[in-house]
Protein backbone atom coordinates (compact mmCIF):
# COMPACT_ATOMS: atom_id res chain seq x y z
CA MET A 1 -23.28 -82.05 -1.69
CA LEU A 2 -20.35 -82.63 -4.03
CA LYS A 3 -19.71 -86.33 -4.70
CA ILE A 4 -16.03 -87.00 -5.38
CA CYS A 5 -14.32 -90.26 -6.29
CA PHE A 6 -10.53 -90.55 -6.27
CA VAL A 7 -9.21 -93.16 -8.70
CA CYS A 8 -5.96 -95.12 -9.00
CA LEU A 9 -4.93 -98.54 -10.28
CA GLY A 10 -5.41 -100.74 -7.21
CA ASN A 11 -7.24 -98.55 -4.65
CA ILE A 12 -4.78 -99.42 -1.87
CA CYS A 13 -2.29 -96.50 -1.96
CA ARG A 14 -2.94 -93.23 -3.78
CA SER A 15 -6.73 -93.07 -4.05
CA PRO A 16 -7.51 -94.12 -0.45
CA MET A 17 -4.77 -91.77 0.80
CA ALA A 18 -6.43 -88.96 -1.18
CA GLU A 19 -9.86 -89.97 0.16
CA PHE A 20 -8.77 -89.77 3.80
CA ILE A 21 -6.61 -86.65 3.34
CA MET A 22 -9.58 -84.82 1.85
CA LYS A 23 -11.97 -86.13 4.50
CA SER A 24 -9.63 -84.68 7.13
CA LYS A 25 -9.86 -81.24 5.50
CA VAL A 26 -13.61 -80.83 4.89
CA ASN A 27 -17.01 -80.98 6.53
CA ASP A 28 -18.66 -84.36 5.89
CA ASN A 29 -22.00 -82.68 5.21
CA ASP A 30 -20.61 -80.83 2.17
CA TYR A 31 -18.98 -83.77 0.41
CA LEU A 32 -19.29 -87.46 -0.31
CA ILE A 33 -15.70 -88.65 -0.72
CA GLU A 34 -14.79 -92.17 -1.78
CA SER A 35 -12.13 -93.94 -3.82
CA ARG A 36 -12.03 -96.70 -6.41
CA ALA A 37 -9.63 -98.79 -8.50
CA THR A 38 -9.48 -99.30 -12.24
CA SER A 39 -8.50 -102.97 -11.77
CA TYR A 40 -9.63 -105.96 -9.73
CA GLU A 41 -6.04 -106.78 -8.65
CA GLU A 42 -6.45 -105.69 -5.03
CA GLN A 43 -10.23 -106.19 -4.70
CA GLY A 44 -11.21 -106.29 -1.01
CA ASN A 45 -7.73 -105.46 0.32
CA ASP A 46 -7.11 -102.80 2.95
CA ILE A 47 -4.85 -99.77 2.52
CA TYR A 48 -1.26 -100.85 1.85
CA PRO A 49 0.64 -100.80 5.21
CA PRO A 50 3.29 -98.22 4.17
CA ALA A 51 0.46 -95.93 3.03
CA LYS A 52 -1.18 -96.32 6.45
CA LYS A 53 2.15 -95.54 8.07
CA LYS A 54 2.42 -92.29 6.10
CA LEU A 55 -1.14 -91.30 7.03
CA ASP A 56 -0.29 -92.03 10.69
CA GLU A 57 2.85 -89.86 10.47
CA GLU A 58 0.72 -87.00 9.15
CA HIS A 59 -2.05 -87.56 11.74
CA ILE A 60 -4.63 -88.30 9.05
CA PRO A 61 -7.43 -90.50 10.44
CA TYR A 62 -8.60 -93.44 8.33
CA SER A 63 -10.84 -96.45 8.73
CA ARG A 64 -10.81 -100.04 7.45
CA HIS A 65 -10.81 -99.84 3.68
CA TYR A 66 -11.88 -102.40 1.09
CA ALA A 67 -10.35 -101.86 -2.34
CA THR A 68 -13.17 -101.61 -4.84
CA ARG A 69 -13.11 -101.42 -8.62
CA LEU A 70 -15.08 -98.80 -10.52
CA GLU A 71 -18.17 -100.08 -12.25
CA LYS A 72 -20.16 -98.54 -15.11
CA GLU A 73 -22.96 -97.50 -12.70
CA ASP A 74 -20.51 -95.36 -10.69
CA TYR A 75 -20.52 -92.73 -13.44
CA ASP A 76 -23.96 -91.52 -12.34
CA LYS A 77 -23.18 -91.85 -8.62
CA TYR A 78 -20.37 -89.25 -8.52
CA ASP A 79 -20.07 -85.65 -9.72
CA ILE A 80 -16.36 -85.89 -10.49
CA PHE A 81 -13.58 -88.46 -10.68
CA TYR A 82 -10.03 -87.37 -9.82
CA CYS A 83 -7.49 -89.72 -11.34
CA MET A 84 -3.88 -90.05 -10.27
CA GLU A 85 -2.39 -90.53 -13.74
CA GLU A 86 -3.21 -90.49 -17.43
CA SER A 87 -3.63 -94.27 -17.63
CA ASN A 88 -6.37 -94.05 -14.95
CA ILE A 89 -8.31 -91.66 -17.19
CA SER A 90 -8.09 -94.10 -20.11
CA SER A 91 -9.22 -96.95 -17.86
CA CYS A 92 -12.16 -94.92 -16.52
CA ILE A 93 -13.35 -94.14 -20.03
CA ARG A 94 -13.01 -97.83 -20.93
CA ILE A 95 -15.07 -98.81 -17.87
CA PHE A 96 -17.75 -96.12 -18.33
CA GLY A 97 -17.88 -96.29 -22.11
CA ASN A 98 -17.35 -92.52 -22.44
CA ASP A 99 -17.17 -89.30 -20.43
CA LYS A 100 -20.21 -87.50 -21.81
CA ASP A 101 -20.44 -85.10 -18.85
CA ASN A 102 -16.70 -84.35 -18.64
CA LYS A 103 -16.45 -85.70 -15.08
CA ILE A 104 -13.05 -87.40 -15.35
CA LYS A 105 -10.03 -85.23 -14.43
CA LYS A 106 -6.47 -85.62 -13.21
CA LEU A 107 -5.90 -84.44 -9.65
CA LEU A 108 -2.70 -82.68 -10.79
CA PRO A 109 -1.54 -81.71 -14.28
CA ARG A 110 1.31 -84.21 -13.83
CA ASP A 111 1.00 -87.88 -12.94
CA ILE A 112 1.16 -88.75 -9.25
CA ALA A 113 3.72 -91.53 -8.90
CA ASP A 114 2.49 -94.87 -7.59
CA PRO A 115 4.34 -95.51 -4.30
CA TRP A 116 3.68 -99.25 -4.69
CA TYR A 117 6.44 -99.09 -7.33
CA THR A 118 8.52 -96.10 -6.18
CA ASN A 119 8.28 -96.87 -2.44
CA ASN A 120 8.33 -93.08 -1.88
CA PHE A 121 5.21 -92.33 0.12
CA ASP A 122 6.46 -88.85 1.08
CA ILE A 123 6.41 -87.57 -2.50
CA THR A 124 3.04 -89.18 -3.16
CA TYR A 125 1.58 -87.71 0.03
CA ASN A 126 2.88 -84.22 -0.85
CA ASP A 127 1.47 -84.47 -4.38
CA LEU A 128 -1.92 -85.56 -3.04
CA VAL A 129 -2.02 -82.68 -0.55
CA GLU A 130 -1.05 -80.22 -3.30
CA GLY A 131 -3.83 -81.49 -5.58
CA ILE A 132 -6.47 -81.59 -2.86
CA ASP A 133 -5.59 -78.11 -1.59
CA GLU A 134 -5.89 -76.75 -5.13
CA LEU A 135 -9.22 -78.46 -5.72
CA LEU A 136 -10.55 -77.09 -2.41
CA LYS A 137 -9.38 -73.57 -3.35
CA GLN A 138 -11.15 -73.84 -6.71
CA ASN A 139 -14.29 -75.23 -5.10
CA LYS A 140 -14.25 -72.47 -2.47
CA ARG A 141 -14.04 -69.80 -5.19
CA VAL A 142 -17.00 -71.36 -7.00
CA SER A 143 -18.94 -71.76 -3.74
CA ASN A 144 -18.26 -68.17 -2.71
CA TRP A 145 -19.43 -66.86 -6.07
CA ASN A 146 -22.57 -69.04 -6.04
CA SER A 147 -23.38 -68.10 -2.45
CA LEU A 148 -23.67 -64.43 -3.42
CA PHE A 149 -27.03 -65.35 -4.89
CA ILE A 150 -28.45 -67.08 -1.81
CA ILE A 151 -30.76 -64.52 -0.22
CA GLU A 152 -30.78 -65.94 3.30
CA ASP A 153 -27.00 -65.82 3.59
CA ASN A 154 -26.38 -62.55 1.80
CA PHE A 155 -29.18 -60.17 2.67
CA TYR A 156 -26.81 -57.21 3.11
CA ILE A 157 -25.02 -57.83 -0.18
CA ILE A 158 -28.36 -57.78 -1.98
CA ILE A 159 -29.37 -54.56 -0.22
CA ILE A 160 -26.08 -52.93 -1.24
CA PHE A 161 -26.57 -54.15 -4.80
CA ILE A 162 -30.08 -52.61 -4.91
CA PHE A 163 -28.73 -49.36 -3.48
CA LEU A 164 -26.02 -49.23 -6.17
CA ILE A 165 -28.59 -49.75 -8.91
CA TYR A 166 -30.70 -46.92 -7.44
CA PHE A 167 -27.61 -44.70 -7.07
CA PHE A 168 -26.43 -45.20 -10.67
CA ALA A 169 -29.97 -44.86 -12.05
CA TYR A 170 -30.37 -41.53 -10.24
CA PHE A 171 -27.14 -40.12 -11.67
CA ARG A 172 -28.06 -41.41 -15.12
CA ILE A 173 -31.33 -39.47 -14.89
CA LEU A 174 -29.42 -36.37 -13.69
CA SER A 175 -27.01 -36.62 -16.60
CA LYS A 176 -29.89 -36.87 -19.08
CA MET A 177 -31.43 -33.77 -17.51
CA LYS A 178 -28.05 -32.08 -18.01
CA CYS A 179 -27.89 -30.95 -14.39
CA LYS A 180 -24.72 -29.08 -13.59
CA SER A 181 -24.87 -29.41 -9.82
CA ILE A 182 -24.99 -32.51 -7.65
CA HIS A 183 -28.22 -33.00 -5.78
CA TYR A 184 -28.31 -35.11 -2.66
CA SER A 185 -32.05 -35.77 -2.66
CA PHE A 186 -31.43 -39.28 -4.01
CA PHE A 187 -30.76 -40.36 -0.43
CA TRP A 188 -34.40 -39.78 0.39
CA ILE A 189 -37.05 -42.07 -0.96
CA HIS A 190 -39.93 -40.03 -2.34
């Protein structure tokens, strides 16, 4: 299970929107998805009403939310922290003391504007979807590559791999014997 924490300044707009957008796109058994703030300014508050309105427009389900600030102990609780802007990264490092395991990242290469100030929840929503879709694509590529080595799920791939090793080993032996003609006996196990 991948444990993800989305991070923004107050935990009432961007990070809870990201949390619920991602929850709507994935299986709950594969991920733990939460969000946190880098400040105590909105501690205990629910999602900002215009952010809820945008989630409603996009048919993204959400539940009652309580803005919560990151604490030092959270570093060990999550596998990765996706921040909305550069200042969130600095704040995370200040809270945690360091980022020894390189867990703190930006969701997008650019900052995701805070709609509390811009009042543009459409742009923020689109940026969040872009970032989450990209992170899911990257995670799927990693998962697909890792799953090649799980025997239960990939029995046939392993059999094909063994066959290819046998096939290339046979032709390597033939080439060392300097055989001029192709023999098909390698299909039979002796």
